[in-house]
Amino acid sequence: MAILLPKKTPHRKVRKGKNNGIATRCNSVDFGEWGLMSLDNERVTSRQIEAARQSITRYIKRGGKGEPQYYVAKVKAGTVMFELAGVTEEQAREALRLASHKLPVRCKIIKREEF
């Protein structure tokens, strides 16, 4: 099994950091008509979403940080992860419902607000 790697990262091993609060960016449907919005703060693996940036390492017996095992993307509450356009309402709801079952985050299907 090959490890999925991002193209370029500033540091090979990163610290955990915090993932508190509500998303201030990527929190509205901008490109499509329907979107899938997260309701929790969670880490999503690189198999589930493309924008994985943070490496997760395992500690070794001798102490210290080990090699990167896999990569994750931190998702805050309110982040729109996927967007759809050009489909009917029933198709969009069904596709986003199936996608939400694959993620470790509680999700909500939202519609683009018309101004």
C-alpha atoms as a PDB file:
ATOM      1  CA  MET A   1       0.000   0.000   0.000  1.00  0.00           C
ATOM      2  CA  ALA A   2       1.473   3.319  -1.055  1.00  0.00           C
ATOM      3  CA  ILE A   3       1.272   6.322   1.248  1.00  0.00           C
ATOM      4  CA  LEU A   4      -0.485   9.307  -0.295  1.00  0.00           C
ATOM      5  CA  LEU A   5       1.838  12.308  -0.088  1.00  0.00           C
ATOM      6  CA  PRO A   6       1.236  15.990  -0.730  1.00  0.00           C
ATOM      7  CA  LYS A   7       3.330  17.513  -3.541  1.00  0.00           C
ATOM      8  CA  LYS A   8       5.266  19.912  -1.327  1.00  0.00           C
ATOM      9  CA  THR A   9       5.304  20.615   2.414  1.00  0.00           C
ATOM     10  CA  PRO A  10       7.348  23.214   4.320  1.00  0.00           C
ATOM     11  CA  HIS A  11       8.365  20.705   7.016  1.00  0.00           C
ATOM     12  CA  ARG A  12       8.428  16.921   6.968  1.00  0.00           C
ATOM     13  CA  LYS A  13       7.256  16.558  10.569  1.00  0.00           C
ATOM     14  CA  VAL A  14       4.769  19.052  12.024  1.00  0.00           C
ATOM     15  CA  ARG A  15       3.337  19.609  15.489  1.00  0.00           C
ATOM     16  CA  LYS A  16      -0.267  18.764  16.249  1.00  0.00           C
ATOM     17  CA  GLY A  17      -1.590  22.233  17.004  1.00  0.00           C
ATOM     18  CA  LYS A  18      -5.206  23.035  17.839  1.00  0.00           C
ATOM     19  CA  ASN A  19      -8.359  22.812  15.755  1.00  0.00           C
ATOM     20  CA  ASN A  20     -10.789  24.915  17.802  1.00  0.00           C
ATOM     21  CA  GLY A  21     -13.472  27.314  16.670  1.00  0.00           C
ATOM     22  CA  ILE A  22     -15.613  27.837  13.605  1.00  0.00           C
ATOM     23  CA  ALA A  23     -14.321  28.145  10.041  1.00  0.00           C
ATOM     24  CA  THR A  24     -13.846  31.690   8.812  1.00  0.00           C
ATOM     25  CA  ARG A  25     -12.757  30.648   5.302  1.00  0.00           C
ATOM     26  CA  CYS A  26     -14.381  28.167   2.903  1.00  0.00           C
ATOM     27  CA  ASN A  27     -17.642  28.463   4.845  1.00  0.00           C
ATOM     28  CA  SER A  28     -20.050  29.188   1.973  1.00  0.00           C
ATOM     29  CA  VAL A  29     -21.018  27.606  -1.337  1.00  0.00           C
ATOM     30  CA  ASP A  30     -19.142  29.656  -3.938  1.00  0.00           C
ATOM     31  CA  PHE A  31     -18.630  27.478  -7.026  1.00  0.00           C
ATOM     32  CA  GLY A  32     -21.682  25.187  -7.138  1.00  0.00           C
ATOM     33  CA  GLU A  33     -25.332  25.096  -6.176  1.00  0.00           C
ATOM     34  CA  TRP A  34     -25.167  22.493  -3.392  1.00  0.00           C
ATOM     35  CA  GLY A  35     -22.519  21.912  -0.733  1.00  0.00           C
ATOM     36  CA  LEU A  36     -21.536  19.525   2.044  1.00  0.00           C
ATOM     37  CA  MET A  37     -20.688  21.419   5.254  1.00  0.00           C
ATOM     38  CA  SER A  38     -18.977  19.896   8.303  1.00  0.00           C
ATOM     39  CA  LEU A  39     -20.575  20.329  11.726  1.00  0.00           C
ATOM     40  CA  ASP A  40     -17.608  19.199  13.871  1.00  0.00           C
ATOM     41  CA  ASN A  41     -13.887  19.858  14.213  1.00  0.00           C
ATOM     42  CA  GLU A  42     -12.065  16.760  13.024  1.00  0.00           C
ATOM     43  CA  ARG A  43      -9.044  15.451  11.145  1.00  0.00           C
ATOM     44  CA  VAL A  44      -9.857  13.886   7.779  1.00  0.00           C
ATOM     45  CA  THR A  45      -7.364  11.460   6.193  1.00  0.00           C
ATOM     46  CA  SER A  46      -5.849  11.986   2.771  1.00  0.00           C
ATOM     47  CA  ARG A  47      -7.881   9.102   1.340  1.00  0.00           C
ATOM     48  CA  GLN A  48     -11.057  11.028   2.115  1.00  0.00           C
ATOM     49  CA  ILE A  49     -10.116  14.497   0.903  1.00  0.00           C
ATOM     50  CA  GLU A  50      -7.405  15.817  -1.397  1.00  0.00           C
ATOM     51  CA  ALA A  51      -6.058  18.761   0.624  1.00  0.00           C
ATOM     52  CA  ALA A  52      -4.174  16.794   3.286  1.00  0.00           C
ATOM     53  CA  ARG A  53      -1.361  18.925   4.675  1.00  0.00           C
ATOM     54  CA  GLN A  54      -0.394  17.673   8.134  1.00  0.00           C
ATOM     55  CA  SER A  55       1.696  14.543   8.639  1.00  0.00           C
ATOM     56  CA  ILE A  56       0.879  12.166  11.485  1.00  0.00           C
ATOM     57  CA  THR A  57       3.840  10.329  12.980  1.00  0.00           C
ATOM     58  CA  ARG A  58       4.183   7.472  15.449  1.00  0.00           C
ATOM     59  CA  TYR A  59       6.561   7.703  18.377  1.00  0.00           C
ATOM     60  CA  ILE A  60       9.326   5.112  18.407  1.00  0.00           C
ATOM     61  CA  LYS A  61      10.483   3.047  21.406  1.00  0.00           C
ATOM     62  CA  ARG A  62      13.783   4.905  21.834  1.00  0.00           C
ATOM     63  CA  GLY A  63      11.880   8.166  22.211  1.00  0.00           C
ATOM     64  CA  GLY A  64      11.334  10.992  19.831  1.00  0.00           C
ATOM     65  CA  LYS A  65       9.225  11.351  16.729  1.00  0.00           C
ATOM     66  CA  GLY A  66       9.095   8.640  14.113  1.00  0.00           C
ATOM     67  CA  GLU A  67       8.577   8.795  10.364  1.00  0.00           C
ATOM     68  CA  PRO A  68       5.336  10.198   8.899  1.00  0.00           C
ATOM     69  CA  GLN A  69       2.720   7.425   8.727  1.00  0.00           C
ATOM     70  CA  TYR A  70      -0.113   9.237   6.947  1.00  0.00           C
ATOM     71  CA  TYR A  71      -1.403  12.735   6.179  1.00  0.00           C
ATOM     72  CA  VAL A  72      -4.552  14.520   7.370  1.00  0.00           C
ATOM     73  CA  ALA A  73      -6.427  17.753   6.711  1.00  0.00           C
ATOM     74  CA  LYS A  74      -7.849  19.656   9.669  1.00  0.00           C
ATOM     75  CA  VAL A  75     -11.522  20.459   9.088  1.00  0.00           C
ATOM     76  CA  LYS A  76     -13.238  23.046  11.272  1.00  0.00           C
ATOM     77  CA  ALA A  77     -16.957  23.253  11.925  1.00  0.00           C
ATOM     78  CA  GLY A  78     -18.623  25.184   9.117  1.00  0.00           C
ATOM     79  CA  THR A  79     -16.161  24.237   6.350  1.00  0.00           C
ATOM     80  CA  VAL A  80     -17.755  23.451   2.979  1.00  0.00           C
ATOM     81  CA  MET A  81     -15.805  20.419   1.755  1.00  0.00           C
ATOM     82  CA  PHE A  82     -17.591  19.488  -1.485  1.00  0.00           C
ATOM     83  CA  GLU A  83     -19.756  21.412  -3.958  1.00  0.00           C
ATOM     84  CA  LEU A  84     -22.011  20.273  -6.818  1.00  0.00           C
ATOM     85  CA  ALA A  85     -23.543  22.099  -9.779  1.00  0.00           C
ATOM     86  CA  GLY A  86     -25.571  21.181 -12.841  1.00  0.00           C
ATOM     87  CA  VAL A  87     -27.647  18.399 -11.267  1.00  0.00           C
ATOM     88  CA  THR A  88     -31.178  18.151  -9.941  1.00  0.00           C
ATOM     89  CA  GLU A  89     -31.959  18.586  -6.260  1.00  0.00           C
ATOM     90  CA  GLU A  90     -32.641  14.865  -5.748  1.00  0.00           C
ATOM     91  CA  GLN A  91     -29.361  13.838  -7.409  1.00  0.00           C
ATOM     92  CA  ALA A  92     -27.380  16.398  -5.417  1.00  0.00           C
ATOM     93  CA  ARG A  93     -28.898  15.353  -2.099  1.00  0.00           C
ATOM     94  CA  GLU A  94     -28.297  11.653  -2.790  1.00  0.00           C
ATOM     95  CA  ALA A  95     -24.682  12.189  -3.920  1.00  0.00           C
ATOM     96  CA  LEU A  96     -23.822  14.385  -0.928  1.00  0.00           C
ATOM     97  CA  ARG A  97     -25.584  12.002   1.453  1.00  0.00           C
ATOM     98  CA  LEU A  98     -23.445   9.113   0.188  1.00  0.00           C
ATOM     99  CA  ALA A  99     -20.295  11.261   0.449  1.00  0.00           C
ATOM    100  CA  SER A 100     -21.117  12.267   4.027  1.00  0.00           C
ATOM    101  CA  HIS A 101     -21.263   8.606   5.113  1.00  0.00           C
ATOM    102  CA  LYS A 102     -17.639   8.164   4.018  1.00  0.00           C
ATOM    103  CA  LEU A 103     -16.350  10.977   6.256  1.00  0.00           C
ATOM    104  CA  PRO A 104     -15.654  10.860  10.024  1.00  0.00           C
ATOM    105  CA  VAL A 105     -17.387  14.246  10.454  1.00  0.00           C
ATOM    106  CA  ARG A 106     -21.078  15.006  10.930  1.00  0.00           C
ATOM    107  CA  CYS A 107     -22.195  16.884   7.815  1.00  0.00           C
ATOM    108  CA  LYS A 108     -25.094  18.977   6.585  1.00  0.00           C
ATOM    109  CA  ILE A 109     -26.250  19.508   2.992  1.00  0.00           C
ATOM    110  CA  ILE A 110     -26.654  23.206   2.197  1.00  0.00           C
ATOM    111  CA  LYS A 111     -27.917  25.154  -0.800  1.00  0.00           C
ATOM    112  CA  ARG A 112     -26.327  28.252  -2.285  1.00  0.00           C
ATOM    113  CA  GLU A 113     -28.058  31.385  -1.088  1.00  0.00           C
ATOM    114  CA  GLU A 114     -29.365  33.590  -3.868  1.00  0.00           C
ATOM    115  CA  PHE A 115     -28.776  37.311  -3.426  1.00  0.00           C
END
